[in-house]
Amino acid sequence: MKKKLSATEERTSRTKQKLLEYLMESGNVSYSCKRAGISRETYYQWRSDDRIFSYKADEAIVHGKSFVNDLAHTQLILNIQKGDMQAVRFQLVNCHEDYRPKAPEKIEKKDPPITHIRITRAEGCSHDEIIEVPQTPS
């Protein structure tokens, strides 16, 4: 036998359902919570308290993000068809290898190798000494 929900539980259940619908439309937690009239803290509390709700929310977010991406892609294609060069450039730079910006090559600046060391003697010594430093292969 199904337990009768209290008025608060019924209202919470309806709000959860509305929130899931908003998540399916947008994929955005903040936006969906605002539309449903709840705080993000409440949303995350519901997720931690209710595994089924958490699972449904994850599914709704994935669906919502996919839906919004499809909308954005449709608009991009419409703008490309209208000849919008910014849309054309965006598409080519992001989806065509020949139009991607090339990363600048890193030029490493190396100090020249040390080949000689001059050792200066203290006062009273008769001469300086120069020592050859053998080169090691890099």
Protein backbone atom coordinates (compact mmCIF):
# COMPACT_ATOMS: atom_id res chain seq x y z
CA MET A 1 0.00 0.00 0.00
CA LYS A 2 1.34 3.40 -0.98
CA LYS A 3 1.99 5.82 1.84
CA LYS A 4 0.11 9.12 1.60
CA LEU A 5 2.54 12.04 1.33
CA SER A 6 2.27 15.06 3.57
CA ALA A 7 1.66 18.44 1.94
CA THR A 8 5.35 19.32 2.32
CA GLU A 9 6.50 16.01 0.81
CA GLU A 10 4.06 16.42 -2.07
CA ARG A 11 5.27 19.98 -2.76
CA THR A 12 8.92 18.78 -2.60
CA SER A 13 8.15 15.96 -5.01
CA ARG A 14 6.51 18.37 -7.49
CA THR A 15 9.45 20.77 -7.19
CA LYS A 16 11.94 17.96 -7.79
CA GLN A 17 10.03 16.94 -10.90
CA LYS A 18 9.94 20.53 -12.20
CA LEU A 19 13.67 20.87 -11.49
CA LEU A 20 14.39 17.70 -13.49
CA GLU A 21 12.39 19.13 -16.41
CA TYR A 22 14.39 22.39 -16.26
CA LEU A 23 17.65 20.43 -16.12
CA MET A 24 16.58 18.54 -19.25
CA GLU A 25 15.99 21.85 -21.03
CA SER A 26 19.22 23.56 -20.04
CA GLY A 27 21.70 21.18 -18.44
CA ASN A 28 22.58 24.01 -16.04
CA VAL A 29 22.10 23.52 -12.30
CA SER A 30 22.12 27.20 -11.27
CA TYR A 31 19.67 28.23 -13.97
CA SER A 32 17.34 25.29 -13.26
CA CYS A 33 17.36 25.88 -9.49
CA LYS A 34 16.51 29.54 -10.03
CA ARG A 35 13.61 28.62 -12.31
CA ALA A 36 12.35 26.03 -9.81
CA GLY A 37 12.59 28.53 -6.96
CA ILE A 38 15.07 26.61 -4.85
CA SER A 39 18.66 27.22 -3.76
CA ARG A 40 21.58 25.23 -5.10
CA GLU A 41 22.20 24.10 -1.53
CA THR A 42 18.73 22.51 -1.48
CA TYR A 43 19.45 20.81 -4.81
CA TYR A 44 22.71 19.34 -3.53
CA GLN A 45 21.04 18.27 -0.29
CA TRP A 46 18.35 16.46 -2.29
CA ARG A 47 21.12 14.76 -4.30
CA SER A 48 22.87 13.52 -1.18
CA ASP A 49 19.62 12.38 0.48
CA ASP A 50 17.98 10.72 -2.55
CA ARG A 51 20.04 8.42 -4.81
CA ILE A 52 17.23 8.04 -7.33
CA PHE A 53 16.86 11.80 -7.65
CA SER A 54 20.64 12.14 -7.98
CA TYR A 55 20.68 9.60 -10.82
CA LYS A 56 17.74 11.28 -12.60
CA ALA A 57 19.41 14.70 -12.19
CA ASP A 58 22.64 13.39 -13.75
CA GLU A 59 20.69 11.99 -16.69
CA ALA A 60 18.73 15.23 -17.09
CA ILE A 61 21.94 17.30 -17.08
CA VAL A 62 23.52 15.14 -19.79
CA HIS A 63 20.35 15.41 -21.88
CA GLY A 64 20.09 19.17 -21.29
CA LYS A 65 23.70 19.87 -22.27
CA SER A 66 23.26 17.82 -25.42
CA PHE A 67 20.04 19.68 -26.24
CA VAL A 68 21.68 23.11 -25.77
CA ASN A 69 24.70 22.05 -27.85
CA ASP A 70 22.35 20.95 -30.64
CA LEU A 71 20.61 24.33 -30.51
CA ALA A 72 23.93 26.18 -30.64
CA HIS A 73 25.14 24.05 -33.54
CA THR A 74 21.92 24.70 -35.45
CA GLN A 75 22.37 28.46 -34.98
CA LEU A 76 26.00 28.20 -36.07
CA ILE A 77 24.98 26.40 -39.27
CA LEU A 78 22.25 28.99 -39.98
CA ASN A 79 24.80 31.81 -39.54
CA ILE A 80 27.28 30.05 -41.82
CA GLN A 81 24.55 29.72 -44.46
CA LYS A 82 23.84 33.46 -44.15
CA GLY A 83 27.51 34.17 -44.87
CA ASP A 84 28.43 35.30 -41.37
CA MET A 85 32.24 35.22 -41.60
CA GLN A 86 32.69 35.07 -37.83
CA ALA A 87 30.63 31.86 -37.76
CA VAL A 88 32.57 30.50 -40.74
CA ARG A 89 35.88 31.27 -39.04
CA PHE A 90 34.71 29.72 -35.75
CA GLN A 91 33.72 26.50 -37.53
CA LEU A 92 36.96 26.24 -39.48
CA VAL A 93 39.29 27.07 -36.57
CA ASN A 94 37.58 24.55 -34.30
CA CYS A 95 36.83 21.75 -36.74
CA HIS A 96 39.42 21.85 -39.52
CA GLU A 97 43.09 21.06 -38.97
CA ASP A 98 44.34 23.43 -41.69
CA TYR A 99 42.75 26.48 -40.02
CA ARG A 100 43.85 25.89 -36.43
CA PRO A 101 46.28 28.49 -35.12
CA LYS A 102 49.80 27.18 -34.95
CA ALA A 103 51.44 27.23 -31.55
CA PRO A 104 54.61 29.30 -31.58
CA GLU A 105 57.77 27.24 -31.45
CA LYS A 106 59.63 27.49 -28.20
CA ILE A 107 63.14 28.79 -28.60
CA GLU A 108 65.33 27.84 -25.73
CA LYS A 109 68.05 30.32 -25.01
CA LYS A 110 71.10 28.51 -23.73
CA ASP A 111 74.09 30.10 -22.15
CA PRO A 112 77.27 29.48 -24.12
CA PRO A 113 79.30 26.59 -22.75
CA ILE A 114 82.12 27.37 -20.34
CA THR A 115 85.38 26.60 -22.08
CA HIS A 116 87.95 28.43 -19.91
CA ILE A 117 88.20 29.30 -16.24
CA ARG A 118 90.61 31.94 -15.00
CA ILE A 119 91.79 31.45 -11.45
CA THR A 120 93.40 34.54 -10.05
CA ARG A 121 95.94 33.97 -7.33
CA ALA A 122 96.05 35.92 -4.14
CA GLU A 123 98.56 38.71 -3.60
CA GLY A 124 102.10 37.58 -3.60
CA CYS A 125 101.61 34.84 -6.21
CA SER A 126 103.50 35.21 -9.42
CA HIS A 127 100.94 34.34 -12.12
CA ASP A 128 97.31 33.56 -13.00
CA GLU A 129 96.37 30.10 -14.17
CA ILE A 130 93.96 29.24 -17.03
CA ILE A 131 92.36 25.81 -16.88
CA GLU A 132 90.78 24.21 -19.93
CA VAL A 133 87.36 22.68 -19.27
CA PRO A 134 86.76 19.52 -21.31
CA GLN A 135 83.55 19.59 -23.36
CA THR A 136 80.94 16.97 -22.60
CA PRO A 137 78.52 15.90 -25.31
CA SER A 138 74.99 17.31 -24.77
